[in-house]
PDB file of N, CA and C in Angstrom:
ATOM      1  N   MET A   1     -23.301  -5.223  17.472  1.00  0.00           N
ATOM      2  CA  MET A   1     -23.962  -4.499  16.574  1.00  0.00           C
ATOM      3  C   MET A   1     -23.445  -3.789  15.415  1.00  0.00           C
ATOM      4  N   TYR A   2     -24.048  -3.849  14.591  1.00  0.00           N
ATOM      5  CA  TYR A   2     -23.117  -2.688  13.227  1.00  0.00           C
ATOM      6  C   TYR A   2     -24.217  -2.059  12.520  1.00  0.00           C
ATOM      7  N   ILE A   3     -23.898  -0.146  13.064  1.00  0.00           N
ATOM      8  CA  ILE A   3     -24.876   0.475  12.518  1.00  0.00           C
ATOM      9  C   ILE A   3     -24.036   1.209  11.191  1.00  0.00           C
ATOM     10  N   VAL A   4     -24.814   1.940  10.401  1.00  0.00           N
ATOM     11  CA  VAL A   4     -24.881   2.264   9.384  1.00  0.00           C
ATOM     12  C   VAL A   4     -25.927   3.194   8.994  1.00  0.00           C
ATOM     13  N   HIS A   5     -25.138   5.040   9.074  1.00  0.00           N
ATOM     14  CA  HIS A   5     -26.062   5.585   8.678  1.00  0.00           C
ATOM     15  C   HIS A   5     -25.770   6.086   7.382  1.00  0.00           C
ATOM     16  N   VAL A   6     -26.900   6.033   6.032  1.00  0.00           N
ATOM     17  CA  VAL A   6     -26.317   6.376   4.751  1.00  0.00           C
ATOM     18  C   VAL A   6     -27.102   7.773   4.437  1.00  0.00           C
ATOM     19  N   PHE A   7     -26.416   8.140   3.765  1.00  0.00           N
ATOM     20  CA  PHE A   7     -27.018   9.835   4.129  1.00  0.00           C
ATOM     21  C   PHE A   7     -27.354   9.582   2.185  1.00  0.00           C
ATOM     22  N   VAL A   8     -28.074  10.682   2.231  1.00  0.00           N
ATOM     23  CA  VAL A   8     -28.983  10.609   1.046  1.00  0.00           C
ATOM     24  C   VAL A   8     -29.425  12.032   0.448  1.00  0.00           C
ATOM     25  N   THR A   9     -29.062  12.664  -0.599  1.00  0.00           N
ATOM     26  CA  THR A   9     -30.514  13.437  -0.807  1.00  0.00           C
ATOM     27  C   THR A   9     -30.438  13.618  -2.085  1.00  0.00           C
ATOM     28  N   VAL A  10     -32.131  13.612  -1.931  1.00  0.00           N
ATOM     29  CA  VAL A  10     -32.870  13.764  -3.612  1.00  0.00           C
ATOM     30  C   VAL A  10     -33.426  14.805  -4.970  1.00  0.00           C
ATOM     31  N   LYS A  11     -33.859  15.152  -5.337  1.00  0.00           N
ATOM     32  CA  LYS A  11     -33.758  15.892  -6.287  1.00  0.00           C
ATOM     33  C   LYS A  11     -35.539  15.962  -6.247  1.00  0.00           C
ATOM     34  N   GLU A  12     -35.657  17.006  -5.970  1.00  0.00           N
ATOM     35  CA  GLU A  12     -37.195  17.407  -5.271  1.00  0.00           C
ATOM     36  C   GLU A  12     -38.508  16.771  -6.381  1.00  0.00           C
ATOM     37  N   ASP A  13     -37.913  16.489  -7.326  1.00  0.00           N
ATOM     38  CA  ASP A  13     -39.403  16.522  -8.031  1.00  0.00           C
ATOM     39  C   ASP A  13     -39.568  15.111  -7.693  1.00  0.00           C
ATOM     40  N   TYR A  14     -38.477  14.661  -6.750  1.00  0.00           N
ATOM     41  CA  TYR A  14     -38.560  12.921  -7.158  1.00  0.00           C
ATOM     42  C   TYR A  14     -38.781  12.392  -5.786  1.00  0.00           C
ATOM     43  N   LEU A  15     -39.463  13.304  -4.998  1.00  0.00           N
ATOM     44  CA  LEU A  15     -38.991  13.560  -3.520  1.00  0.00           C
ATOM     45  C   LEU A  15     -40.107  12.195  -3.163  1.00  0.00           C
ATOM     46  N   GLN A  16     -41.140  12.295  -3.263  1.00  0.00           N
ATOM     47  CA  GLN A  16     -42.350  11.356  -2.820  1.00  0.00           C
ATOM     48  C   GLN A  16     -42.839   9.934  -3.368  1.00  0.00           C
ATOM     49  N   ASP A  17     -41.680   9.835  -4.723  1.00  0.00           N
ATOM     50  CA  ASP A  17     -41.356   8.356  -4.810  1.00  0.00           C
ATOM     51  C   ASP A  17     -40.143   8.002  -4.376  1.00  0.00           C
ATOM     52  N   PHE A  18     -39.307   9.083  -4.696  1.00  0.00           N
ATOM     53  CA  PHE A  18     -38.345   8.121  -3.363  1.00  0.00           C
ATOM     54  C   PHE A  18     -38.866   7.734  -1.349  1.00  0.00           C
ATOM     55  N   ILE A  19     -39.283   8.084  -1.254  1.00  0.00           N
ATOM     56  CA  ILE A  19     -40.302   7.994  -0.280  1.00  0.00           C
ATOM     57  C   ILE A  19     -41.044   6.776   0.307  1.00  0.00           C
ATOM     58  N   LYS A  20     -41.716   6.067  -1.031  1.00  0.00           N
ATOM     59  CA  LYS A  20     -42.104   4.747  -1.816  1.00  0.00           C
ATOM     60  C   LYS A  20     -41.474   4.092  -1.771  1.00  0.00           C
ATOM     61  N   ALA A  21     -39.992   4.197  -2.182  1.00  0.00           N
ATOM     62  CA  ALA A  21     -39.819   3.105  -2.854  1.00  0.00           C
ATOM     63  C   ALA A  21     -38.592   3.057  -1.765  1.00  0.00           C
ATOM     64  N   THR A  22     -38.059   3.337  -0.245  1.00  0.00           N
ATOM     65  CA  THR A  22     -37.070   3.560   0.612  1.00  0.00           C
ATOM     66  C   THR A  22     -38.138   3.593   1.270  1.00  0.00           C
ATOM     67  N   ILE A  23     -39.342   3.356   2.552  1.00  0.00           N
ATOM     68  CA  ILE A  23     -40.485   2.444   2.582  1.00  0.00           C
ATOM     69  C   ILE A  23     -40.471   1.089   3.248  1.00  0.00           C
ATOM     70  N   GLN A  24     -40.632   0.694   1.122  1.00  0.00           N
ATOM     71  CA  GLN A  24     -40.896  -0.965   0.543  1.00  0.00           C
ATOM     72  C   GLN A  24     -39.797  -1.450   1.049  1.00  0.00           C
ATOM     73  N   ASN A  25     -38.712  -0.986   0.579  1.00  0.00           N
ATOM     74  CA  ASN A  25     -37.279  -1.457   0.979  1.00  0.00           C
ATOM     75  C   ASN A  25     -37.131  -1.506   2.674  1.00  0.00           C
ATOM     76  N   ALA A  26     -37.347  -0.496   3.168  1.00  0.00           N
ATOM     77  CA  ALA A  26     -37.023  -0.523   4.805  1.00  0.00           C
ATOM     78  C   ALA A  26     -37.871  -1.901   4.750  1.00  0.00           C
ATOM     79  N   LYS A  27     -39.422  -2.082   4.611  1.00  0.00           N
ATOM     80  CA  LYS A  27     -40.194  -3.062   4.870  1.00  0.00           C
ATOM     81  C   LYS A  27     -39.527  -4.525   4.929  1.00  0.00           C
ATOM     82  N   ALA A  28     -39.603  -4.921   3.342  1.00  0.00           N
ATOM     83  CA  ALA A  28     -38.885  -6.272   3.193  1.00  0.00           C
ATOM     84  C   ALA A  28     -37.114  -6.109   4.354  1.00  0.00           C
ATOM     85  N   SER A  29     -37.305  -4.780   3.931  1.00  0.00           N
ATOM     86  CA  SER A  29     -34.954  -5.509   4.864  1.00  0.00           C
ATOM     87  C   SER A  29     -35.597  -5.346   6.684  1.00  0.00           C
ATOM     88  N   LEU A  30     -36.909  -5.562   7.076  1.00  0.00           N
ATOM     89  CA  LEU A  30     -37.350  -6.009   8.654  1.00  0.00           C
ATOM     90  C   LEU A  30     -37.253  -7.547   8.514  1.00  0.00           C
ATOM     91  N   GLN A  31     -37.555  -7.728   7.000  1.00  0.00           N
ATOM     92  CA  GLN A  31     -37.588  -8.956   7.422  1.00  0.00           C
ATOM     93  C   GLN A  31     -36.526  -9.711   7.342  1.00  0.00           C
ATOM     94  N   GLU A  32     -35.494  -9.558   7.051  1.00  0.00           N
ATOM     95  CA  GLU A  32     -33.868  -9.936   7.292  1.00  0.00           C
ATOM     96  C   GLU A  32     -33.646 -10.584   8.236  1.00  0.00           C
ATOM     97  N   PRO A  33     -33.140 -11.701   8.748  1.00  0.00           N
ATOM     98  CA  PRO A  33     -32.775 -12.405  10.216  1.00  0.00           C
ATOM     99  C   PRO A  33     -31.589 -11.503  10.453  1.00  0.00           C
ATOM    100  N   GLY A  34     -31.029 -10.842   9.881  1.00  0.00           N
ATOM    101  CA  GLY A  34     -29.577 -10.138  10.573  1.00  0.00           C
ATOM    102  C   GLY A  34     -29.797  -8.734  10.792  1.00  0.00           C
ATOM    103  N   ILE A  35     -31.346  -8.422  10.541  1.00  0.00           N
ATOM    104  CA  ILE A  35     -31.069  -7.102  10.546  1.00  0.00           C
ATOM    105  C   ILE A  35     -32.481  -6.654  11.592  1.00  0.00           C
ATOM    106  N   ALA A  36     -31.582  -5.240  12.470  1.00  0.00           N
ATOM    107  CA  ALA A  36     -32.495  -5.094  14.259  1.00  0.00           C
ATOM    108  C   ALA A  36     -33.463  -4.254  13.769  1.00  0.00           C
ATOM    109  N   ARG A  37     -32.707  -2.544  12.682  1.00  0.00           N
ATOM    110  CA  ARG A  37     -33.596  -1.760  12.748  1.00  0.00           C
ATOM    111  C   ARG A  37     -33.370  -1.415  11.735  1.00  0.00           C
ATOM    112  N   PHE A  38     -34.225  -0.361  10.767  1.00  0.00           N
ATOM    113  CA  PHE A  38     -34.188   0.194   9.811  1.00  0.00           C
ATOM    114  C   PHE A  38     -35.357   1.015   9.576  1.00  0.00           C
ATOM    115  N   ASP A  39     -34.366   2.459   9.663  1.00  0.00           N
ATOM    116  CA  ASP A  39     -35.276   3.468   9.729  1.00  0.00           C
ATOM    117  C   ASP A  39     -35.348   4.140   8.937  1.00  0.00           C
ATOM    118  N   ILE A  40     -35.968   5.112   8.436  1.00  0.00           N
ATOM    119  CA  ILE A  40     -35.909   5.953   7.760  1.00  0.00           C
ATOM    120  C   ILE A  40     -36.255   8.164   7.787  1.00  0.00           C
ATOM    121  N   LEU A  41     -35.358   8.655   7.891  1.00  0.00           N
ATOM    122  CA  LEU A  41     -35.294  10.521   8.309  1.00  0.00           C
ATOM    123  C   LEU A  41     -35.075  10.846   7.666  1.00  0.00           C
ATOM    124  N   GLN A  42     -35.262  12.053   8.290  1.00  0.00           N
ATOM    125  CA  GLN A  42     -35.814  12.971   6.803  1.00  0.00           C
ATOM    126  C   GLN A  42     -35.637  14.189   7.523  1.00  0.00           C
ATOM    127  N   ALA A  43     -35.132  15.035   7.275  1.00  0.00           N
ATOM    128  CA  ALA A  43     -34.341  16.237   7.776  1.00  0.00           C
ATOM    129  C   ALA A  43     -35.979  17.077   7.864  1.00  0.00           C
ATOM    130  N   ALA A  44     -35.674  17.732   9.548  1.00  0.00           N
ATOM    131  CA  ALA A  44     -37.349  18.834   9.251  1.00  0.00           C
ATOM    132  C   ALA A  44     -37.572  19.669   8.400  1.00  0.00           C
ATOM    133  N   ASP A  45     -36.123  20.343   8.298  1.00  0.00           N
ATOM    134  CA  ASP A  45     -36.199  22.211   7.329  1.00  0.00           C
ATOM    135  C   ASP A  45     -35.773  21.781   5.644  1.00  0.00           C
ATOM    136  N   ILE A  46     -34.881  20.381   5.886  1.00  0.00           N
ATOM    137  CA  ILE A  46     -35.023  20.263   4.647  1.00  0.00           C
ATOM    138  C   ILE A  46     -35.524  19.006   3.879  1.00  0.00           C
ATOM    139  N   PRO A  47     -36.068  19.050   3.308  1.00  0.00           N
ATOM    140  CA  PRO A  47     -37.204  17.649   2.868  1.00  0.00           C
ATOM    141  C   PRO A  47     -36.209  16.450   2.209  1.00  0.00           C
ATOM    142  N   CYS A  48     -35.095  17.419   1.106  1.00  0.00           N
ATOM    143  CA  CYS A  48     -34.986  16.546   0.519  1.00  0.00           C
ATOM    144  C   CYS A  48     -33.543  15.557   0.584  1.00  0.00           C
ATOM    145  N   LYS A  49     -33.179  15.810   1.913  1.00  0.00           N
ATOM    146  CA  LYS A  49     -31.932  15.095   2.407  1.00  0.00           C
ATOM    147  C   LYS A  49     -32.649  14.354   3.357  1.00  0.00           C
ATOM    148  N   PHE A  50     -32.173  13.228   3.643  1.00  0.00           N
ATOM    149  CA  PHE A  50     -32.516  11.696   4.848  1.00  0.00           C
ATOM    150  C   PHE A  50     -31.016  10.853   5.160  1.00  0.00           C
ATOM    151  N   ILE A  51     -31.845  10.554   6.087  1.00  0.00           N
ATOM    152  CA  ILE A  51     -30.393   9.498   7.047  1.00  0.00           C
ATOM    153  C   ILE A  51     -31.241   7.831   7.411  1.00  0.00           C
ATOM    154  N   LEU A  52     -31.148   7.273   6.254  1.00  0.00           N
ATOM    155  CA  LEU A  52     -31.399   5.620   6.398  1.00  0.00           C
ATOM    156  C   LEU A  52     -30.218   4.961   7.783  1.00  0.00           C
ATOM    157  N   ASN A  53     -30.751   4.819   9.295  1.00  0.00           N
ATOM    158  CA  ASN A  53     -29.538   4.335  10.312  1.00  0.00           C
ATOM    159  C   ASN A  53     -30.847   2.930   9.868  1.00  0.00           C
ATOM    160  N   GLU A  54     -29.419   1.983   9.460  1.00  0.00           N
ATOM    161  CA  GLU A  54     -29.270   0.821   9.145  1.00  0.00           C
ATOM    162  C   GLU A  54     -28.794   0.148  10.238  1.00  0.00           C
ATOM    163  N   VAL A  55     -29.098  -0.793  11.306  1.00  0.00           N
ATOM    164  CA  VAL A  55     -28.805  -1.414  12.629  1.00  0.00           C
ATOM    165  C   VAL A  55     -28.239  -2.618  11.745  1.00  0.00           C
ATOM    166  N   TYR A  56     -27.662  -3.548  12.387  1.00  0.00           N
ATOM    167  CA  TYR A  56     -27.968  -5.016  11.919  1.00  0.00           C
ATOM    168  C   TYR A  56     -26.539  -5.820  13.271  1.00  0.00           C
ATOM    169  N   ARG A  57     -26.977  -6.553  12.346  1.00  0.00           N
ATOM    170  CA  ARG A  57     -26.271  -8.179  14.181  1.00  0.00           C
ATOM    171  C   ARG A  57     -24.730  -8.041  13.879  1.00  0.00           C
ATOM    172  N   THR A  58     -24.393  -8.452  12.955  1.00  0.00           N
ATOM    173  CA  THR A  58     -23.250  -8.945  12.957  1.00  0.00           C
ATOM    174  C   THR A  58     -22.094  -7.484  11.470  1.00  0.00           C
ATOM    175  N   LYS A  59     -21.136  -7.618  11.098  1.00  0.00           N
ATOM    176  CA  LYS A  59     -20.472  -7.078  10.283  1.00  0.00           C
ATOM    177  C   LYS A  59     -20.996  -7.470   9.394  1.00  0.00           C
ATOM    178  N   ASP A  60     -21.250  -8.920   9.264  1.00  0.00           N
ATOM    179  CA  ASP A  60     -21.491  -9.401   8.046  1.00  0.00           C
ATOM    180  C   ASP A  60     -22.525  -9.331   7.130  1.00  0.00           C
ATOM    181  N   ASP A  61     -24.014  -9.020   7.725  1.00  0.00           N
ATOM    182  CA  ASP A  61     -24.908  -8.922   7.614  1.00  0.00           C
ATOM    183  C   ASP A  61     -25.639  -7.708   5.547  1.00  0.00           C
ATOM    184  N   PRO A  62     -24.652  -6.601   6.287  1.00  0.00           N
ATOM    185  CA  PRO A  62     -24.657  -5.537   5.376  1.00  0.00           C
ATOM    186  C   PRO A  62     -24.077  -6.422   4.059  1.00  0.00           C
ATOM    187  N   ALA A  63     -23.701  -6.878   3.583  1.00  0.00           N
ATOM    188  CA  ALA A  63     -23.319  -8.058   2.850  1.00  0.00           C
ATOM    189  C   ALA A  63     -24.403  -8.266   2.390  1.00  0.00           C
ATOM    190  N   LYS A  64     -25.227  -9.602   3.292  1.00  0.00           N
ATOM    191  CA  LYS A  64     -26.092  -9.915   2.717  1.00  0.00           C
ATOM    192  C   LYS A  64     -27.248  -9.119   2.470  1.00  0.00           C
ATOM    193  N   HIS A  65     -27.521  -8.348   3.155  1.00  0.00           N
ATOM    194  CA  HIS A  65     -28.427  -7.454   3.115  1.00  0.00           C
ATOM    195  C   HIS A  65     -28.607  -6.589   1.312  1.00  0.00           C
ATOM    196  N   LYS A  66     -27.136  -6.823   1.233  1.00  0.00           N
ATOM    197  CA  LYS A  66     -26.881  -5.984  -0.205  1.00  0.00           C
ATOM    198  C   LYS A  66     -27.089  -6.934  -1.393  1.00  0.00           C
ATOM    199  N   GLU A  67     -27.295  -8.184  -1.548  1.00  0.00           N
ATOM    200  CA  GLU A  67     -27.671  -9.733  -1.896  1.00  0.00           C
ATOM    201  C   GLU A  67     -28.586  -9.262  -1.948  1.00  0.00           C
ATOM    202  N   THR A  68     -30.108  -9.108  -1.811  1.00  0.00           N
ATOM    203  CA  THR A  68     -31.449  -9.220  -1.017  1.00  0.00           C
ATOM    204  C   THR A  68     -32.378  -8.954  -3.157  1.00  0.00           C
ATOM    205  N   SER A  69     -33.266  -9.326  -3.335  1.00  0.00           N
ATOM    206  CA  SER A  69     -33.708  -8.368  -4.453  1.00  0.00           C
ATOM    207  C   SER A  69     -34.888  -6.903  -3.870  1.00  0.00           C
ATOM    208  N   HIS A  70     -35.276  -7.130  -3.736  1.00  0.00           N
ATOM    209  CA  HIS A  70     -35.967  -5.593  -2.482  1.00  0.00           C
ATOM    210  C   HIS A  70     -34.688  -4.985  -2.714  1.00  0.00           C
ATOM    211  N   TYR A  71     -33.699  -5.215  -2.205  1.00  0.00           N
ATOM    212  CA  TYR A  71     -32.171  -3.591  -1.891  1.00  0.00           C
ATOM    213  C   TYR A  71     -31.833  -3.317  -3.350  1.00  0.00           C
ATOM    214  N   ILE A  72     -31.576  -4.737  -4.569  1.00  0.00           N
ATOM    215  CA  ILE A  72     -30.739  -4.482  -5.590  1.00  0.00           C
ATOM    216  C   ILE A  72     -31.970  -3.662  -6.630  1.00  0.00           C
ATOM    217  N   THR A  73     -33.921  -4.028  -6.215  1.00  0.00           N
ATOM    218  CA  THR A  73     -34.651  -3.168  -7.022  1.00  0.00           C
ATOM    219  C   THR A  73     -34.699  -1.387  -6.287  1.00  0.00           C
ATOM    220  N   TRP A  74     -34.865  -1.611  -4.930  1.00  0.00           N
ATOM    221  CA  TRP A  74     -34.410   0.040  -4.345  1.00  0.00           C
ATOM    222  C   TRP A  74     -32.656   0.477  -5.258  1.00  0.00           C
ATOM    223  N   LYS A  75     -31.966  -0.146  -5.206  1.00  0.00           N
ATOM    224  CA  LYS A  75     -31.108   0.681  -5.493  1.00  0.00           C
ATOM    225  C   LYS A  75     -31.020   1.074  -7.374  1.00  0.00           C
ATOM    226  N   GLU A  76     -31.422   0.383  -8.219  1.00  0.00           N
ATOM    227  CA  GLU A  76     -32.039   0.641  -9.161  1.00  0.00           C
ATOM    228  C   GLU A  76     -32.850   1.616  -9.702  1.00  0.00           C
ATOM    229  N   THR A  77     -33.586   2.002  -8.384  1.00  0.00           N
ATOM    230  CA  THR A  77     -34.881   2.567  -8.734  1.00  0.00           C
ATOM    231  C   THR A  77     -34.825   3.861  -8.083  1.00  0.00           C
ATOM    232  N   VAL A  78     -33.780   4.120  -7.219  1.00  0.00           N
ATOM    233  CA  VAL A  78     -33.559   5.428  -6.200  1.00  0.00           C
ATOM    234  C   VAL A  78     -32.180   6.025  -6.644  1.00  0.00           C
ATOM    235  N   GLU A  79     -31.453   5.254  -8.215  1.00  0.00           N
ATOM    236  CA  GLU A  79     -29.755   6.573  -8.376  1.00  0.00           C
ATOM    237  C   GLU A  79     -29.984   7.309  -9.683  1.00  0.00           C
ATOM    238  N   GLU A  80     -31.189   7.229 -10.194  1.00  0.00           N
ATOM    239  CA  GLU A  80     -31.706   8.602  -9.988  1.00  0.00           C
ATOM    240  C   GLU A  80     -32.146   9.378  -9.356  1.00  0.00           C
ATOM    241  N   MET A  81     -32.953   9.095  -8.395  1.00  0.00           N
ATOM    242  CA  MET A  81     -33.695  10.476  -7.906  1.00  0.00           C
ATOM    243  C   MET A  81     -32.694  11.167  -6.876  1.00  0.00           C
ATOM    244  N   MET A  82     -31.608  10.599  -7.639  1.00  0.00           N
ATOM    245  CA  MET A  82     -30.667  11.443  -5.890  1.00  0.00           C
ATOM    246  C   MET A  82     -30.137  12.329  -6.609  1.00  0.00           C
ATOM    247  N   SER A  83     -29.615  13.495  -6.068  1.00  0.00           N
ATOM    248  CA  SER A  83     -29.012  14.739  -6.478  1.00  0.00           C
ATOM    249  C   SER A  83     -26.821  14.607  -6.157  1.00  0.00           C
ATOM    250  N   VAL A  84     -26.847  14.087  -5.687  1.00  0.00           N
ATOM    251  CA  VAL A  84     -25.405  13.437  -5.238  1.00  0.00           C
ATOM    252  C   VAL A  84     -25.661  11.909  -4.831  1.00  0.00           C
ATOM    253  N   PRO A  85     -24.397  11.149  -5.564  1.00  0.00           N
ATOM    254  CA  PRO A  85     -23.834  10.562  -4.979  1.00  0.00           C
ATOM    255  C   PRO A  85     -24.460  10.068  -3.077  1.00  0.00           C
ATOM    256  N   ARG A  86     -25.452   9.327  -2.926  1.00  0.00           N
ATOM    257  CA  ARG A  86     -25.158   9.057  -1.103  1.00  0.00           C
ATOM    258  C   ARG A  86     -23.856   8.294  -0.521  1.00  0.00           C
ATOM    259  N   THR A  87     -23.432   8.812   0.465  1.00  0.00           N
ATOM    260  CA  THR A  87     -22.712   9.038   1.279  1.00  0.00           C
ATOM    261  C   THR A  87     -23.008   7.291   2.310  1.00  0.00           C
ATOM    262  N   LYS A  88     -21.497   6.872   3.566  1.00  0.00           N
ATOM    263  CA  LYS A  88     -22.692   6.952   4.290  1.00  0.00           C
ATOM    264  C   LYS A  88     -20.983   6.516   5.612  1.00  0.00           C
ATOM    265  N   LEU A  89     -21.488   6.379   7.231  1.00  0.00           N
ATOM    266  CA  LEU A  89     -20.850   6.406   8.340  1.00  0.00           C
ATOM    267  C   LEU A  89     -20.838   4.694   8.440  1.00  0.00           C
ATOM    268  N   VAL A  90     -20.649   4.299   9.021  1.00  0.00           N
ATOM    269  CA  VAL A  90     -20.567   3.225  10.319  1.00  0.00           C
ATOM    270  C   VAL A  90     -20.389   3.484  11.891  1.00  0.00           C
ATOM    271  N   TYR A  91     -21.054   2.918  12.145  1.00  0.00           N
ATOM    272  CA  TYR A  91     -20.654   3.017  13.732  1.00  0.00           C
ATOM    273  C   TYR A  91     -20.275   1.947  14.426  1.00  0.00           C
ATOM    274  N   ALA A  92     -20.438   2.207  15.493  1.00  0.00           N
ATOM    275  CA  ALA A  92     -20.120   1.456  16.432  1.00  0.00           C
ATOM    276  C   ALA A  92     -20.531   0.699  17.759  1.00  0.00           C
ATOM    277  N   ASN A  93     -22.077   0.622  18.316  1.00  0.00           N
ATOM    278  CA  ASN A  93     -23.126   0.365  19.151  1.00  0.00           C
ATOM    279  C   ASN A  93     -22.059   0.695  20.693  1.00  0.00           C
ATOM    280  N   ILE A  94     -22.332   1.634  20.992  1.00  0.00           N
ATOM    281  CA  ILE A  94     -21.692   1.789  22.674  1.00  0.00           C
ATOM    282  C   ILE A  94     -22.231   1.274  23.950  1.00  0.00           C
ATOM    283  N   HIS A  95     -23.373   2.110  24.074  1.00  0.00           N
ATOM    284  CA  HIS A  95     -25.097   2.074  25.409  1.00  0.00           C
ATOM    285  C   HIS A  95     -26.140   2.221  24.064  1.00  0.00           C
ATOM    286  N   PRO A  96     -26.362   1.379  24.194  1.00  0.00           N
ATOM    287  CA  PRO A  96     -26.859   0.742  25.225  1.00  0.00           C
ATOM    288  C   PRO A  96     -26.365  -0.953  24.642  1.00  0.00           C
ATOM    289  N   GLU A  97     -25.645  -1.624  25.843  1.00  0.00           N
ATOM    290  CA  GLU A  97     -25.379  -2.975  25.056  1.00  0.00           C
ATOM    291  C   GLU A  97     -25.958  -4.218  24.024  1.00  0.00           C
ATOM    292  N   ASP A  98     -25.235  -4.495  23.598  1.00  0.00           N
ATOM    293  CA  ASP A  98     -25.531  -5.792  22.894  1.00  0.00           C
ATOM    294  C   ASP A  98     -26.227  -6.394  23.269  1.00  0.00           C
ATOM    295  N   ARG A  99     -27.227  -7.110  22.410  1.00  0.00           N
ATOM    296  CA  ARG A  99     -27.655  -8.194  23.240  1.00  0.00           C
ATOM    297  C   ARG A  99     -27.871  -9.210  22.403  1.00  0.00           C
ATOM    298  N   ASP A 100     -28.112 -10.073  22.860  1.00  0.00           N
ATOM    299  CA  ASP A 100     -28.528 -12.010  22.699  1.00  0.00           C
ATOM    300  C   ASP A 100     -28.994 -12.117  21.415  1.00  0.00           C
ATOM    301  N   TRP A 101     -28.690 -11.821  20.617  1.00  0.00           N
ATOM    302  CA  TRP A 101     -30.396 -11.592  19.373  1.00  0.00           C
ATOM    303  C   TRP A 101     -30.558 -13.031  18.988  1.00  0.00           C
TER     304      TRP A 101
END
């Protein structure tokens, strides 16, 4: 598995629009064969802070995801909603062991 945490801080005025656009992207992303999970996490005490937990089956799948129309639409839609540019960290899966997908 190839796991990416995307860190997003949204301008308060765009909070609900960001959530709506991101849910649409997540639902479409889960239809991609290379995506095992796509979670949207909102900080409990700082509602404008989010983590997108993206779990890909291979290291090649994030690049494929970035070519999809739903990702491109999401990126263009939410860019102005962010108070700072998004950042990411990439993780290697340790446990549970990867399954044969």
